[in-house]
Amino acid sequence: MSTVVSILEKVLLSVGGYIILTTIVGALHARIAVWLGDRTPQLTGMTEFDPRAQFDFFGFLFFVLVQTGWKKELTLSPSMMFNLKARLRIQIFEPLLYLMCSFVCACGVLLISRQPMALVFGGSAQAFQALVPGLPQWLAVVGYALQTFSIFAISLSITAIFIMGIQFVISYFFHNAFSVSEGLSGNMTLPKLIFIGLGFAAFYFVVPLLFLPFLKGMYWLAYKLIGLFMHF
């Protein structure tokens, strides 16, 4: 019975976190789009901190099943469809908002719990502290922010690229962290740290921008095919 209660508690906390995070990120992202000159999100009500305005059924279902979902796609002006530069300028803020919110949440949990980071955040904190000995606890919280960030989708069209990126980065961090802590591969060298930084930048900012037009096209094609199938 206690196991069932524990599972239900984790599910409720997870779903609650998903709804809160996607609502905050969605509303902030919509407001940024308005600030950058597209008033369409405001006209469609997406600038409000209302979970219903950001809720996507399939994104929520996917999150419940595999802990990686997405919020409702941001509605932009049709004129943006052919203005790639303007679309990318708006879309780039979404992953930044997810990462920022994850970092803030992680810091909040750390402050409220008043426990050592290794007990609160587990492996991700150990990885960062093993990589950089003496790293301040408040700065090592970035490890948990990255791990939290990895379970939330950025948008339907760029989720796959970002998830592959975070899995690569986290795996690299964990492998090197535990190798260093066990004395298997010596100290972390500067070239390795530079490589990690470049890998993070490439997977989170460069690669998604390069693949965004292709993924948008695939999403549009899938949407049309589903619509055609439903018509028959």
Protein backbone atom coordinates (compact mmCIF):
# COMPACT_ATOMS: atom_id res chain seq x y z
CA MET A 1 0.00 0.00 0.00
CA SER A 2 2.81 2.39 0.90
CA THR A 3 4.43 1.67 -2.48
CA VAL A 4 1.23 2.60 -4.32
CA VAL A 5 0.92 5.81 -2.29
CA SER A 6 4.55 6.66 -3.02
CA ILE A 7 4.05 6.12 -6.76
CA LEU A 8 0.87 8.21 -6.78
CA GLU A 9 2.65 10.97 -4.87
CA LYS A 10 5.48 11.03 -7.40
CA VAL A 11 3.03 11.07 -10.32
CA LEU A 12 1.05 13.95 -8.82
CA LEU A 13 4.20 15.95 -8.11
CA SER A 14 5.52 15.24 -11.60
CA VAL A 15 2.28 16.21 -13.33
CA GLY A 16 1.94 19.28 -11.14
CA GLY A 17 5.48 20.34 -12.00
CA TYR A 18 4.79 19.80 -15.69
CA ILE A 19 1.65 21.96 -15.63
CA ILE A 20 3.29 24.75 -13.63
CA LEU A 21 6.48 24.83 -15.68
CA THR A 22 4.80 24.70 -19.10
CA THR A 23 2.31 27.39 -18.03
CA ILE A 24 5.03 29.76 -16.85
CA VAL A 25 7.33 29.13 -19.81
CA GLY A 26 4.46 29.33 -22.32
CA ALA A 27 3.16 32.64 -20.99
CA LEU A 28 6.62 34.20 -20.78
CA HIS A 29 7.52 32.98 -24.26
CA ALA A 30 4.29 34.41 -25.67
CA ARG A 31 4.99 37.77 -24.01
CA ILE A 32 8.48 37.81 -25.48
CA ALA A 33 6.98 37.17 -28.93
CA VAL A 34 4.65 40.15 -28.43
CA TRP A 35 7.59 42.26 -27.28
CA LEU A 36 9.46 41.26 -30.46
CA GLY A 37 6.60 42.50 -32.61
CA ASP A 38 4.10 39.63 -33.10
CA ARG A 39 0.81 40.33 -31.29
CA THR A 40 -0.80 37.03 -32.35
CA PRO A 41 -0.03 35.22 -29.03
CA GLN A 42 -1.73 38.05 -27.15
CA LEU A 43 -4.81 37.88 -29.37
CA THR A 44 -5.06 34.11 -28.83
CA GLY A 45 -4.75 34.41 -25.04
CA MET A 46 -1.39 32.66 -24.77
CA THR A 47 0.18 35.52 -22.82
CA GLU A 48 -1.99 34.68 -19.80
CA PHE A 49 -0.71 32.44 -17.00
CA ASP A 50 -3.53 29.99 -17.67
CA PRO A 51 -2.70 26.24 -17.93
CA ARG A 52 -5.54 25.80 -20.44
CA ALA A 53 -3.87 28.21 -22.85
CA GLN A 54 -0.65 26.12 -22.89
CA PHE A 55 -2.10 22.61 -22.55
CA ASP A 56 -1.48 20.10 -25.33
CA PHE A 57 -3.18 16.72 -24.85
CA PHE A 58 -0.67 14.61 -26.75
CA GLY A 59 2.26 16.47 -25.19
CA PHE A 60 0.81 15.81 -21.74
CA LEU A 61 0.12 12.15 -22.55
CA PHE A 62 3.66 11.70 -23.83
CA PHE A 63 5.01 13.28 -20.63
CA VAL A 64 2.97 10.92 -18.43
CA LEU A 65 4.18 7.88 -20.38
CA VAL A 66 7.88 8.64 -20.87
CA GLN A 67 8.52 11.83 -18.85
CA THR A 68 9.20 13.91 -21.97
CA GLY A 69 6.35 16.03 -23.23
CA TRP A 70 5.63 19.42 -24.69
CA LYS A 71 3.33 22.36 -24.28
CA LYS A 72 1.02 23.84 -26.89
CA GLU A 73 2.88 25.22 -29.89
CA LEU A 74 3.18 29.00 -29.77
CA THR A 75 0.74 30.59 -32.22
CA LEU A 76 2.50 33.12 -34.43
CA SER A 77 1.35 35.32 -37.28
CA PRO A 78 1.06 33.56 -40.69
CA SER A 79 3.50 36.14 -42.03
CA MET A 80 6.15 34.54 -39.80
CA MET A 81 5.93 31.29 -41.76
CA PHE A 82 8.27 32.63 -44.44
CA ASN A 83 10.30 34.89 -42.16
CA LEU A 84 12.78 32.36 -40.83
CA LYS A 85 14.98 34.93 -39.11
CA ALA A 86 12.07 36.38 -37.12
CA ARG A 87 10.78 32.90 -36.16
CA LEU A 88 14.19 31.75 -34.95
CA ARG A 89 14.62 34.95 -32.98
CA ILE A 90 11.39 34.17 -31.12
CA GLN A 91 11.89 30.39 -30.81
CA ILE A 92 15.37 30.64 -29.31
CA PHE A 93 13.92 32.09 -26.12
CA GLU A 94 11.92 28.92 -25.35
CA PRO A 95 14.84 26.63 -24.42
CA LEU A 96 16.43 29.49 -22.51
CA LEU A 97 13.24 29.94 -20.47
CA TYR A 98 13.06 26.21 -19.69
CA LEU A 99 16.66 26.18 -18.55
CA MET A 100 16.19 29.34 -16.46
CA CYS A 101 13.07 27.97 -14.76
CA SER A 102 14.78 24.65 -14.06
CA PHE A 103 17.69 26.48 -12.48
CA VAL A 104 15.41 28.63 -10.31
CA CYS A 105 13.43 25.55 -9.19
CA ALA A 106 16.62 23.68 -8.35
CA CYS A 107 17.93 26.59 -6.28
CA GLY A 108 14.58 26.82 -4.49
CA VAL A 109 14.58 23.13 -3.60
CA LEU A 110 18.15 23.39 -2.34
CA LEU A 111 17.36 26.39 -0.11
CA ILE A 112 14.14 24.93 1.29
CA SER A 113 15.56 21.46 2.01
CA ARG A 114 18.70 22.78 3.78
CA GLN A 115 20.37 19.46 3.00
CA PRO A 116 23.72 18.68 1.32
CA MET A 117 23.41 18.81 -2.44
CA ALA A 118 24.37 15.15 -2.92
CA LEU A 119 21.37 14.09 -0.80
CA VAL A 120 18.94 16.39 -2.58
CA PHE A 121 20.00 16.07 -6.20
CA GLY A 122 21.91 12.80 -6.26
CA GLY A 123 24.11 11.89 -9.20
CA SER A 124 23.97 15.14 -11.15
CA ALA A 125 25.37 17.13 -8.23
CA GLN A 126 28.07 14.53 -7.57
CA ALA A 127 29.05 14.67 -11.23
CA PHE A 128 29.60 18.40 -11.23
CA GLN A 129 31.41 18.47 -7.90
CA ALA A 130 33.69 15.60 -8.98
CA LEU A 131 34.47 17.36 -12.26
CA VAL A 132 35.43 20.61 -10.56
CA PRO A 133 36.69 20.00 -6.98
CA GLY A 134 35.68 22.75 -4.60
CA LEU A 135 32.84 23.95 -6.82
CA PRO A 136 30.42 26.02 -4.67
CA GLN A 137 27.18 24.22 -3.88
CA TRP A 138 25.01 26.99 -5.34
CA LEU A 139 26.92 26.79 -8.63
CA ALA A 140 26.86 22.99 -8.83
CA VAL A 141 23.07 23.20 -8.87
CA VAL A 142 23.43 23.74 -12.63
CA GLY A 143 23.82 19.96 -12.88
CA TYR A 144 20.37 19.40 -11.51
CA ALA A 145 18.95 22.17 -13.68
CA LEU A 146 20.26 20.39 -16.76
CA GLN A 147 18.81 17.09 -15.61
CA THR A 148 15.43 18.70 -14.90
CA PHE A 149 15.56 20.50 -18.23
CA SER A 150 16.07 17.20 -20.05
CA ILE A 151 12.67 15.80 -19.07
CA PHE A 152 10.71 18.73 -20.49
CA ALA A 153 10.28 19.29 -24.20
CA ILE A 154 11.14 22.60 -25.77
CA SER A 155 8.54 22.31 -28.51
CA LEU A 156 7.19 19.50 -30.66
CA SER A 157 9.34 20.49 -33.60
CA ILE A 158 12.75 20.49 -31.86
CA THR A 159 12.27 18.05 -29.00
CA ALA A 160 14.23 15.19 -30.58
CA ILE A 161 17.36 17.25 -31.22
CA PHE A 162 17.38 18.74 -27.73
CA ILE A 163 16.78 15.42 -26.00
CA MET A 164 19.65 13.83 -27.92
CA GLY A 165 21.81 16.77 -26.90
CA ILE A 166 21.05 16.58 -23.19
CA GLN A 167 21.53 12.81 -23.11
CA PHE A 168 24.95 13.22 -24.72
CA VAL A 169 26.02 16.01 -22.37
CA ILE A 170 24.73 14.34 -19.20
CA SER A 171 26.29 10.99 -20.16
CA TYR A 172 29.62 12.66 -20.83
CA PHE A 173 29.49 14.49 -17.50
CA PHE A 174 28.59 11.35 -15.56
CA HIS A 175 31.22 9.18 -17.24
CA ASN A 176 34.04 11.62 -16.58
CA ALA A 177 32.83 12.56 -13.11
CA PHE A 178 32.76 9.03 -11.76
CA SER A 179 35.98 8.10 -13.56
CA VAL A 180 37.72 11.04 -11.92
CA SER A 181 36.22 10.36 -8.50
CA GLU A 182 37.33 6.73 -8.63
CA GLY A 183 40.81 7.62 -9.84
CA LEU A 184 40.38 5.79 -13.15
CA SER A 185 41.33 8.54 -15.56
CA GLY A 186 43.19 11.21 -13.59
CA ASN A 187 42.16 14.84 -13.32
CA MET A 188 39.73 16.62 -15.60
CA THR A 189 41.80 18.51 -18.16
CA LEU A 190 41.09 21.91 -19.68
CA PRO A 191 40.57 20.48 -23.22
CA LYS A 192 37.87 18.16 -21.84
CA LEU A 193 36.09 21.04 -20.14
CA ILE A 194 36.28 23.09 -23.35
CA PHE A 195 34.92 20.14 -25.31
CA ILE A 196 31.98 19.83 -22.89
CA GLY A 197 31.25 23.54 -23.20
CA LEU A 198 31.36 23.44 -27.00
CA GLY A 199 29.20 20.31 -27.04
CA PHE A 200 26.63 21.99 -24.83
CA ALA A 201 26.54 25.08 -27.05
CA ALA A 202 26.31 23.04 -30.26
CA PHE A 203 23.52 20.72 -29.16
CA TYR A 204 21.45 23.37 -27.41
CA PHE A 205 21.74 26.31 -29.76
CA VAL A 206 23.44 25.59 -33.09
CA VAL A 207 22.07 22.15 -34.04
CA PRO A 208 18.40 22.96 -33.26
CA LEU A 209 18.58 26.11 -35.36
CA LEU A 210 20.01 24.20 -38.32
CA PHE A 211 17.39 21.46 -38.14
CA LEU A 212 14.44 23.67 -37.21
CA PRO A 213 13.21 24.34 -40.79
CA PHE A 214 13.40 20.62 -41.65
CA LEU A 215 11.60 19.55 -38.47
CA LYS A 216 8.95 22.22 -38.95
CA GLY A 217 8.35 20.87 -42.45
CA MET A 218 8.07 17.29 -41.19
CA TYR A 219 5.62 18.39 -38.49
CA TRP A 220 3.52 20.24 -41.08
CA LEU A 221 3.52 17.18 -43.39
CA ALA A 222 2.49 14.84 -40.55
CA TYR A 223 -0.29 17.24 -39.57
CA LYS A 224 -1.62 17.30 -43.15
CA LEU A 225 -1.42 13.51 -43.52
CA ILE A 226 -3.32 12.99 -40.25
CA GLY A 227 -5.94 15.49 -41.40
CA LEU A 228 -6.28 13.68 -44.74
CA PHE A 229 -6.62 10.30 -42.99
CA MET A 230 -9.29 11.64 -40.62
CA HIS A 231 -11.19 13.08 -43.59
CA PHE A 232 -11.62 9.61 -45.06
